Amino acid sequence: MKLFRCQICGDPYLGSEAPSFCPFCGAPQKYMVPAEAYVDRNNIPDMSPLSRENLETALALEVANAAFYFCASNCAPGAVDQAMFKALAKAESEHASLMCKLLQVPKPEIKPDDKACRKDPRANFKEAHGRETRAVAFYRQAAAAAVEDRVKEVFTALSEIESYHIALSEAHG
């Protein structure tokens, strides 16, 4: 067994090799490093006001999306859809945790948003597609605007991760 850490969320993973995607935040394998090589870069002194604003927007976005996915999981009639939405909720919740680390603020409580989802999984996958498409566009813009290497890296990784979520919503919707 080897210990790996995700350069995006920082969470550890035990395995014989790095996973294809971080099991916590969904970052692609290229962000998984041997634990000895991991460097915590989440303390960003003198963060630009624009990066702070974009991280605050990202936090609100991730909290709202996690709340939506928790609701969708609770409403889904089938076990597969429940599991898919739950996995997405956990990833979005992990993204919110990352924003809190960067902003150095406590993580807000995330509860299912019963007004955001429907009893129909197809409608929820359609809603998921729209949410993820908006997230990718925002994260690409935020990455381009970031002046700090770490903020640019996080927003770039999140745009990749959310693109995978779009593919999931298309495959299941």
Protein backbone atom coordinates (compact mmCIF):
# COMPACT_ATOMS: atom_id res chain seq x y z
CA MET A 1 0.00 0.00 0.00
CA LYS A 2 1.07 3.53 -0.76
CA LEU A 3 -0.25 6.83 0.52
CA PHE A 4 -1.24 9.47 -2.03
CA ARG A 5 -2.68 12.96 -1.54
CA CYS A 6 -4.74 15.08 -3.85
CA GLN A 7 -3.06 18.39 -4.72
CA ILE A 8 -6.51 19.95 -5.06
CA CYS A 9 -8.45 18.91 -1.93
CA GLY A 10 -5.52 17.53 0.10
CA ASP A 11 -7.33 14.35 1.12
CA PRO A 12 -5.30 11.14 1.50
CA TYR A 13 -5.82 7.93 -0.45
CA LEU A 14 -4.35 4.49 0.30
CA GLY A 15 -3.79 2.14 -2.62
CA SER A 16 -1.27 0.28 -4.70
CA GLU A 17 -1.37 3.13 -7.23
CA ALA A 18 -2.95 6.55 -7.57
CA PRO A 19 -6.65 6.39 -8.45
CA SER A 20 -7.88 7.62 -11.84
CA PHE A 21 -9.80 10.37 -10.01
CA CYS A 22 -9.58 11.63 -6.45
CA PRO A 23 -12.34 9.74 -4.61
CA PHE A 24 -13.14 12.87 -2.59
CA CYS A 25 -13.15 15.86 -4.94
CA GLY A 26 -13.02 14.14 -8.35
CA ALA A 27 -9.73 15.69 -9.52
CA PRO A 28 -8.04 13.72 -12.33
CA GLN A 29 -5.12 11.43 -11.52
CA LYS A 30 -2.53 14.04 -12.53
CA TYR A 31 -3.33 15.84 -9.25
CA MET A 32 -2.71 12.73 -7.12
CA VAL A 33 0.84 12.72 -5.72
CA PRO A 34 2.78 10.51 -3.32
CA ALA A 35 2.13 11.81 0.19
CA GLU A 36 5.80 12.77 0.56
CA ALA A 37 5.48 15.13 -2.42
CA TYR A 38 2.29 16.83 -1.22
CA VAL A 39 2.59 20.53 -0.38
CA ASP A 40 -0.26 22.39 1.30
CA ARG A 41 -0.59 25.60 -0.71
CA ASN A 42 -3.93 26.77 0.66
CA ASN A 43 -2.58 29.70 2.68
CA ILE A 44 -2.48 32.55 0.17
CA PRO A 45 -1.16 35.77 1.68
CA ASP A 46 -2.19 39.01 -0.03
CA MET A 47 -4.91 37.38 -2.12
CA SER A 48 -6.28 39.75 -4.73
CA PRO A 49 -9.79 41.13 -4.13
CA LEU A 50 -10.96 39.56 -7.42
CA SER A 51 -9.67 36.11 -6.45
CA ARG A 52 -11.34 36.43 -3.04
CA GLU A 53 -14.61 37.46 -4.69
CA ASN A 54 -14.41 34.56 -7.16
CA LEU A 55 -13.68 32.09 -4.34
CA GLU A 56 -16.67 33.43 -2.38
CA THR A 57 -18.85 33.02 -5.48
CA ALA A 58 -17.46 29.50 -5.92
CA LEU A 59 -18.26 28.67 -2.30
CA ALA A 60 -21.88 29.77 -2.72
CA LEU A 61 -22.12 27.83 -6.00
CA GLU A 62 -20.71 24.62 -4.48
CA VAL A 63 -22.93 24.82 -1.39
CA ALA A 64 -26.02 25.33 -3.58
CA ASN A 65 -25.04 22.48 -5.90
CA ALA A 66 -24.31 20.11 -3.01
CA ALA A 67 -27.70 20.97 -1.46
CA PHE A 68 -29.37 20.29 -4.82
CA TYR A 69 -27.63 16.92 -5.22
CA PHE A 70 -28.45 15.84 -1.66
CA CYS A 71 -32.10 16.62 -2.40
CA ALA A 72 -31.95 14.81 -5.74
CA SER A 73 -30.45 11.77 -4.01
CA ASN A 74 -33.24 11.77 -1.42
CA CYS A 75 -35.90 12.07 -4.15
CA ALA A 76 -34.51 9.53 -6.63
CA PRO A 77 -36.68 6.41 -6.86
CA GLY A 78 -33.88 4.06 -7.92
CA ALA A 79 -30.74 3.01 -6.08
CA VAL A 80 -28.41 3.86 -9.00
CA ASP A 81 -29.73 7.42 -9.35
CA GLN A 82 -29.63 7.85 -5.56
CA ALA A 83 -25.99 6.77 -5.49
CA MET A 84 -25.04 8.97 -8.45
CA PHE A 85 -26.60 12.08 -6.91
CA LYS A 86 -25.10 11.27 -3.51
CA ALA A 87 -21.62 10.93 -5.03
CA LEU A 88 -22.04 14.28 -6.79
CA ALA A 89 -23.27 15.87 -3.55
CA LYS A 90 -20.19 14.65 -1.71
CA ALA A 91 -17.85 15.96 -4.42
CA GLU A 92 -19.55 19.38 -4.42
CA SER A 93 -19.39 19.43 -0.62
CA GLU A 94 -15.66 18.69 -0.84
CA HIS A 95 -15.28 21.59 -3.28
CA ALA A 96 -17.02 23.84 -0.74
CA SER A 97 -14.54 22.65 1.91
CA LEU A 98 -11.68 23.57 -0.41
CA MET A 99 -13.08 27.09 -0.94
CA CYS A 100 -13.31 27.47 2.84
CA LYS A 101 -9.66 26.43 3.25
CA LEU A 102 -8.57 28.99 0.67
CA LEU A 103 -10.76 31.73 2.15
CA GLN A 104 -9.88 30.67 5.72
CA VAL A 105 -13.53 30.62 6.77
CA PRO A 106 -15.61 27.89 8.46
CA LYS A 107 -17.56 25.60 6.20
CA PRO A 108 -21.30 26.28 6.22
CA GLU A 109 -23.71 23.47 6.98
CA ILE A 110 -25.08 21.91 3.81
CA LYS A 111 -28.61 20.53 3.96
CA PRO A 112 -30.73 19.15 1.12
CA ASP A 113 -32.53 21.97 -0.71
CA ASP A 114 -36.01 20.49 -1.03
CA LYS A 115 -37.10 23.33 -3.33
CA ALA A 116 -34.25 22.82 -5.80
CA CYS A 117 -35.03 19.30 -7.03
CA ARG A 118 -37.94 17.26 -8.30
CA LYS A 119 -39.17 13.71 -7.84
CA ASP A 120 -38.24 13.04 -11.49
CA PRO A 121 -34.59 11.92 -11.94
CA ARG A 122 -34.62 13.02 -15.62
CA ALA A 123 -35.58 16.55 -14.58
CA ASN A 124 -32.86 16.48 -11.92
CA PHE A 125 -30.23 15.32 -14.43
CA LYS A 126 -31.34 18.14 -16.74
CA GLU A 127 -31.01 20.61 -13.86
CA ALA A 128 -27.62 19.10 -13.00
CA HIS A 129 -26.47 19.62 -16.58
CA GLY A 130 -27.36 23.31 -16.42
CA ARG A 131 -25.70 23.78 -13.03
CA GLU A 132 -22.50 22.05 -14.14
CA THR A 133 -22.39 23.94 -17.45
CA ARG A 134 -22.64 27.25 -15.58
CA ALA A 135 -19.99 26.11 -13.10
CA VAL A 136 -17.52 25.18 -15.86
CA ALA A 137 -17.99 28.56 -17.54
CA PHE A 138 -17.49 30.39 -14.25
CA TYR A 139 -14.42 28.36 -13.26
CA ARG A 140 -12.76 28.89 -16.64
CA GLN A 141 -13.35 32.64 -16.34
CA ALA A 142 -12.12 32.66 -12.72
CA ALA A 143 -8.99 30.68 -13.65
CA ALA A 144 -8.17 33.15 -16.42
CA ALA A 145 -8.64 36.09 -14.03
CA ALA A 146 -6.63 34.62 -11.13
CA VAL A 147 -3.20 36.10 -10.46
CA GLU A 148 -2.24 33.57 -7.77
CA ASP A 149 -0.87 30.24 -9.04
CA ARG A 150 -2.83 28.23 -6.44
CA VAL A 151 -6.13 29.94 -7.21
CA LYS A 152 -5.55 29.43 -10.93
CA GLU A 153 -4.75 25.74 -10.31
CA VAL A 154 -7.88 25.19 -8.21
CA PHE A 155 -10.22 26.89 -10.67
CA THR A 156 -8.63 25.02 -13.59
CA ALA A 157 -9.04 21.69 -11.79
CA LEU A 158 -12.63 22.49 -10.86
CA SER A 159 -13.47 23.30 -14.48
CA GLU A 160 -12.10 19.84 -15.42
CA ILE A 161 -13.99 18.09 -12.62
CA GLU A 162 -17.28 19.83 -13.39
CA SER A 163 -16.82 18.90 -17.08
CA TYR A 164 -16.82 15.26 -16.00
CA HIS A 165 -20.03 15.95 -14.07
CA ILE A 166 -21.58 17.30 -17.30
CA ALA A 167 -20.70 14.03 -19.02
CA LEU A 168 -22.37 12.11 -16.19
CA SER A 169 -25.54 14.18 -16.43
CA GLU A 170 -25.64 13.64 -20.20
CA ALA A 171 -25.13 9.89 -19.83
CA HIS A 172 -27.91 9.55 -17.24
CA GLY A 173 -30.35 12.24 -18.30
